[in-house]
């Protein structure tokens, strides 16, 4: 089971929530935190997660989840409502990059994702979620590639893939039908030729027999 699946199972499902997206991140700039504040727990992995409650009305949260070295458990460290999110900065609107910033009412974090693809998927789902669940004051998405903000492109891509597969299958069937049609035409031509040969042979046969007797 992947780390993200475990986070959903251990952190969100027990609270009747469903995780929509998660991205593993590291800080681009280290925060100066007193040793006592960290609890001296050493290295850790950090995930930024987007979740929604199963009960209506739906409430969306953005949660920082950590797994400390030597522990298999994932724990919540910070959490914000989607309405506390003020800005998402994609850093570079012209190319894929793993860096992004999140600005909340009371926090600002600069992150780098494990890969550009993970970051892009996370921002795409986060944007779609904000459009669906945010109140009148939606967060600002800046320096993000337009492909990430054009609605639910993941679903569109999946639909395009299905459409492409259907089109290819249809084309293959059409080509097969054409080949079968040509084969049927050739078969019909051969049958017609055989019938004509049989008729001709039947007409010629008495003549050949008569000549045989005359000789």
Protein backbone atom coordinates (compact mmCIF):
# COMPACT_ATOMS: atom_id res chain seq x y z
CA UNK A 1 0.00 0.00 0.00
CA UNK A 2 1.40 3.41 -0.96
CA UNK A 3 2.08 6.14 1.60
CA UNK A 4 -0.81 8.20 0.24
CA UNK A 5 -3.21 5.27 0.60
CA UNK A 6 -2.06 4.75 4.19
CA UNK A 7 -2.53 8.46 4.96
CA UNK A 8 -6.08 8.34 3.64
CA UNK A 9 -6.80 5.19 5.66
CA UNK A 10 -5.19 6.29 8.93
CA UNK A 11 -5.69 10.06 8.98
CA UNK A 12 -8.84 10.90 7.04
CA UNK A 13 -11.18 7.91 6.87
CA UNK A 14 -11.47 7.64 10.70
CA UNK A 15 -12.78 11.24 10.70
CA UNK A 16 -15.29 10.50 7.93
CA UNK A 17 -13.21 12.38 5.37
CA UNK A 18 -11.96 11.48 1.91
CA UNK A 19 -8.54 12.53 0.69
CA UNK A 20 -8.68 14.14 -2.74
CA UNK A 21 -4.98 14.80 -3.31
CA UNK A 22 -1.62 14.59 -1.59
CA UNK A 23 1.88 15.64 -2.52
CA UNK A 24 5.12 14.81 -0.74
CA UNK A 25 7.14 17.99 -0.17
CA UNK A 26 10.24 19.48 1.38
CA UNK A 27 10.80 23.08 2.38
CA UNK A 28 12.78 25.24 -0.03
CA UNK A 29 13.87 27.37 2.92
CA UNK A 30 14.34 25.91 6.36
CA UNK A 31 12.42 27.48 9.19
CA UNK A 32 14.32 28.41 12.32
CA UNK A 33 12.49 26.35 14.92
CA UNK A 34 13.79 25.89 18.45
CA UNK A 35 14.88 22.35 19.23
CA UNK A 36 12.25 22.00 21.96
CA UNK A 37 9.49 22.92 19.52
CA UNK A 38 10.33 19.99 17.25
CA UNK A 39 10.42 17.55 20.11
CA UNK A 40 13.79 16.34 18.86
CA UNK A 41 12.09 13.80 16.60
CA UNK A 42 14.71 13.92 13.85
CA UNK A 43 14.04 13.54 10.13
CA UNK A 44 10.54 13.24 8.75
CA UNK A 45 8.50 13.10 5.56
CA UNK A 46 5.92 15.81 4.91
CA UNK A 47 2.75 15.57 2.83
CA UNK A 48 0.32 18.35 1.95
CA UNK A 49 -3.16 16.83 1.64
CA UNK A 50 -6.54 18.05 0.41
CA UNK A 51 -9.57 16.35 1.95
CA UNK A 52 -13.34 16.74 2.02
CA UNK A 53 -15.91 15.57 4.55
CA UNK A 54 -18.35 12.89 3.50
CA UNK A 55 -21.22 14.59 5.32
CA UNK A 56 -23.08 17.52 3.79
CA UNK A 57 -22.48 20.39 3.74
CA UNK A 58 -19.02 19.47 2.57
CA UNK A 59 -16.00 21.01 4.29
CA UNK A 60 -12.62 20.99 2.57
CA UNK A 61 -9.34 21.07 4.49
CA UNK A 62 -5.69 21.40 3.57
CA UNK A 63 -3.61 19.40 6.02
CA UNK A 64 0.09 19.03 6.67
CA UNK A 65 0.79 15.39 7.54
CA UNK A 66 4.14 14.08 8.77
CA UNK A 67 5.76 10.72 9.33
CA UNK A 68 8.76 10.86 11.65
CA UNK A 69 11.81 8.68 11.26
CA UNK A 70 11.46 5.37 13.06
CA UNK A 71 7.66 5.54 13.13
CA UNK A 72 5.12 4.00 10.77
CA UNK A 73 2.36 6.37 11.87
CA UNK A 74 1.25 9.47 9.99
CA UNK A 75 0.14 12.43 12.12
CA UNK A 76 -1.57 15.74 11.45
CA UNK A 77 0.64 18.74 12.19
CA UNK A 78 -1.27 21.72 10.79
CA UNK A 79 -4.64 22.17 9.14
CA UNK A 80 -6.47 24.97 7.35
CA UNK A 81 -9.91 25.31 5.81
CA UNK A 82 -10.03 25.97 2.11
CA UNK A 83 -11.39 29.46 2.82
CA UNK A 84 -8.17 30.29 4.70
CA UNK A 85 -6.14 29.67 1.56
CA UNK A 86 -5.27 33.01 -0.02
CA UNK A 87 -2.81 32.24 -2.79
CA UNK A 88 -1.21 29.36 -4.67
CA UNK A 89 1.98 30.30 -6.48
CA UNK A 90 3.14 27.89 -9.19
CA UNK A 91 6.46 29.77 -9.52
CA UNK A 92 6.84 29.34 -13.31
CA UNK A 93 3.89 29.54 -15.73
CA UNK A 94 5.98 28.57 -18.74
CA UNK A 95 7.37 25.18 -17.78
CA UNK A 96 6.96 22.28 -15.39
CA UNK A 97 8.80 22.71 -12.10
CA UNK A 98 8.44 21.08 -8.67
CA UNK A 99 8.37 24.32 -6.65
CA UNK A 100 5.21 26.01 -5.36
CA UNK A 101 4.09 28.29 -2.52
CA UNK A 102 0.97 28.22 -0.36
CA UNK A 103 -0.21 31.35 1.45
CA UNK A 104 -2.88 31.15 4.16
CA UNK A 105 -4.34 33.77 6.48
CA UNK A 106 -1.75 32.94 9.13
CA UNK A 107 0.98 31.00 7.33
CA UNK A 108 3.23 31.04 4.28
CA UNK A 109 5.20 28.02 3.12
CA UNK A 110 7.60 27.52 0.22
CA UNK A 111 7.67 23.92 -0.97
CA UNK A 112 9.37 21.70 -3.49
CA UNK A 113 7.51 18.55 -4.51
CA UNK A 114 9.04 15.17 -5.20
CA UNK A 115 8.57 15.80 -8.93
CA UNK A 116 7.06 18.33 -11.32
CA UNK A 117 4.32 15.84 -12.19
CA UNK A 118 3.26 15.43 -8.54
CA UNK A 119 3.13 19.19 -8.06
CA UNK A 120 1.12 19.73 -11.26
CA UNK A 121 -1.42 17.06 -10.33
CA UNK A 122 -1.78 18.49 -6.82
CA UNK A 123 -2.33 22.07 -8.03
CA UNK A 124 -4.76 20.90 -10.70
CA UNK A 125 -6.92 19.05 -8.16
CA UNK A 126 -6.57 21.88 -5.62
CA UNK A 127 -7.74 24.43 -8.18
CA UNK A 128 -10.70 22.28 -9.21
CA UNK A 129 -11.61 21.75 -5.53
CA UNK A 130 -11.42 25.49 -4.81
CA UNK A 131 -13.70 26.25 -7.76
CA UNK A 132 -16.22 23.75 -6.47
CA UNK A 133 -16.14 24.27 -2.71
CA UNK A 134 -14.73 27.72 -1.92
CA UNK A 135 -16.97 30.54 -0.78
CA UNK A 136 -17.27 33.78 -2.73
CA UNK A 137 -13.66 34.67 -1.95
CA UNK A 138 -11.67 32.11 -3.91
CA UNK A 139 -7.88 31.84 -3.57
CA UNK A 140 -5.64 33.36 -6.21
CA UNK A 141 -3.62 31.04 -8.44
CA UNK A 142 -0.58 32.85 -9.83
CA UNK A 143 2.31 31.74 -12.03
CA UNK A 144 0.50 28.48 -12.79
CA UNK A 145 0.47 26.85 -16.19
CA UNK A 146 -2.82 27.36 -18.01
CA UNK A 147 -3.21 23.61 -18.52
CA UNK A 148 -3.61 23.24 -14.74
CA UNK A 149 -6.40 25.80 -14.45
CA UNK A 150 -8.62 24.73 -17.32
CA UNK A 151 -11.10 22.73 -15.29
CA UNK A 152 -10.68 19.07 -14.46
CA UNK A 153 -8.07 18.29 -17.10
CA UNK A 154 -7.35 14.92 -15.52
CA UNK A 155 -10.87 13.78 -16.30
CA UNK A 156 -10.65 15.40 -19.72
CA UNK A 157 -7.42 13.53 -20.42
CA UNK A 158 -9.01 10.28 -19.31
CA UNK A 159 -12.04 10.98 -21.50
CA UNK A 160 -9.77 11.81 -24.42
CA UNK A 161 -7.92 8.54 -23.91
CA UNK A 162 -11.18 6.59 -23.90
CA UNK A 163 -12.40 8.47 -26.97
CA UNK A 164 -9.12 7.77 -28.76
CA UNK A 165 -9.35 4.08 -27.88
CA UNK A 166 -12.93 3.92 -29.16
CA UNK A 167 -11.96 5.69 -32.36
CA UNK A 168 -9.06 3.30 -32.93
CA UNK A 169 -11.30 0.30 -32.27
CA UNK A 170 -13.92 1.69 -34.64
CA UNK A 171 -11.31 2.31 -37.30
CA UNK A 172 -10.00 -1.23 -36.88
CA UNK A 173 -13.51 -2.63 -37.22
CA UNK A 174 -14.15 -0.50 -40.29
CA UNK A 175 -10.90 -1.66 -41.86
CA UNK A 176 -11.77 -5.24 -40.98
CA UNK A 177 -15.22 -4.73 -42.47
CA UNK A 178 -13.68 -3.33 -45.63
CA UNK A 179 -11.33 -6.31 -45.88
CA UNK A 180 -14.23 -8.71 -45.31
CA UNK A 181 -16.25 -6.81 -47.89
CA UNK A 182 -13.47 -7.09 -50.45
CA UNK A 183 -13.09 -10.79 -49.66
CA UNK A 184 -16.83 -11.30 -50.10
CA UNK A 185 -16.68 -9.45 -53.42
CA UNK A 186 -13.79 -11.63 -54.59
CA UNK A 187 -15.68 -14.74 -53.46
CA UNK A 188 -18.78 -13.57 -55.34
CA UNK A 189 -16.68 -12.91 -58.46
CA UNK A 190 -15.15 -16.36 -58.22
CA UNK A 191 -18.59 -17.93 -57.80
CA UNK A 192 -19.90 -16.01 -60.81
CA UNK A 193 -16.88 -17.07 -62.85
CA UNK A 194 -17.40 -20.66 -61.79
CA UNK A 195 -21.08 -20.52 -62.72
CA UNK A 196 -20.27 -19.00 -66.11
CA UNK A 197 -17.62 -21.64 -66.69
CA UNK A 198 -20.11 -24.35 -65.76
CA UNK A 199 -22.74 -22.93 -68.11
CA UNK A 200 -20.22 -22.61 -70.93
CA UNK A 201 -18.90 -26.08 -70.29
CA UNK A 202 -22.46 -27.44 -70.33
CA UNK A 203 -23.14 -25.78 -73.70
CA UNK A 204 -19.87 -26.94 -75.25
CA UNK A 205 -20.16 -30.52 -73.98
CA UNK A 206 -22.81 -31.75 -76.55
CA UNK A 207 -20.84 -30.15 -79.37
CA UNK A 208 -17.64 -31.86 -78.29
CA UNK A 209 -19.49 -35.18 -77.96
CA UNK A 210 -20.98 -34.82 -81.46
CA UNK A 211 -17.57 -34.13 -82.95
CA UNK A 212 -16.21 -37.18 -81.22
CA UNK A 213 -18.84 -39.43 -82.76
CA UNK A 214 -18.33 -37.88 -86.21
CA UNK A 215 -14.64 -38.66 -86.11
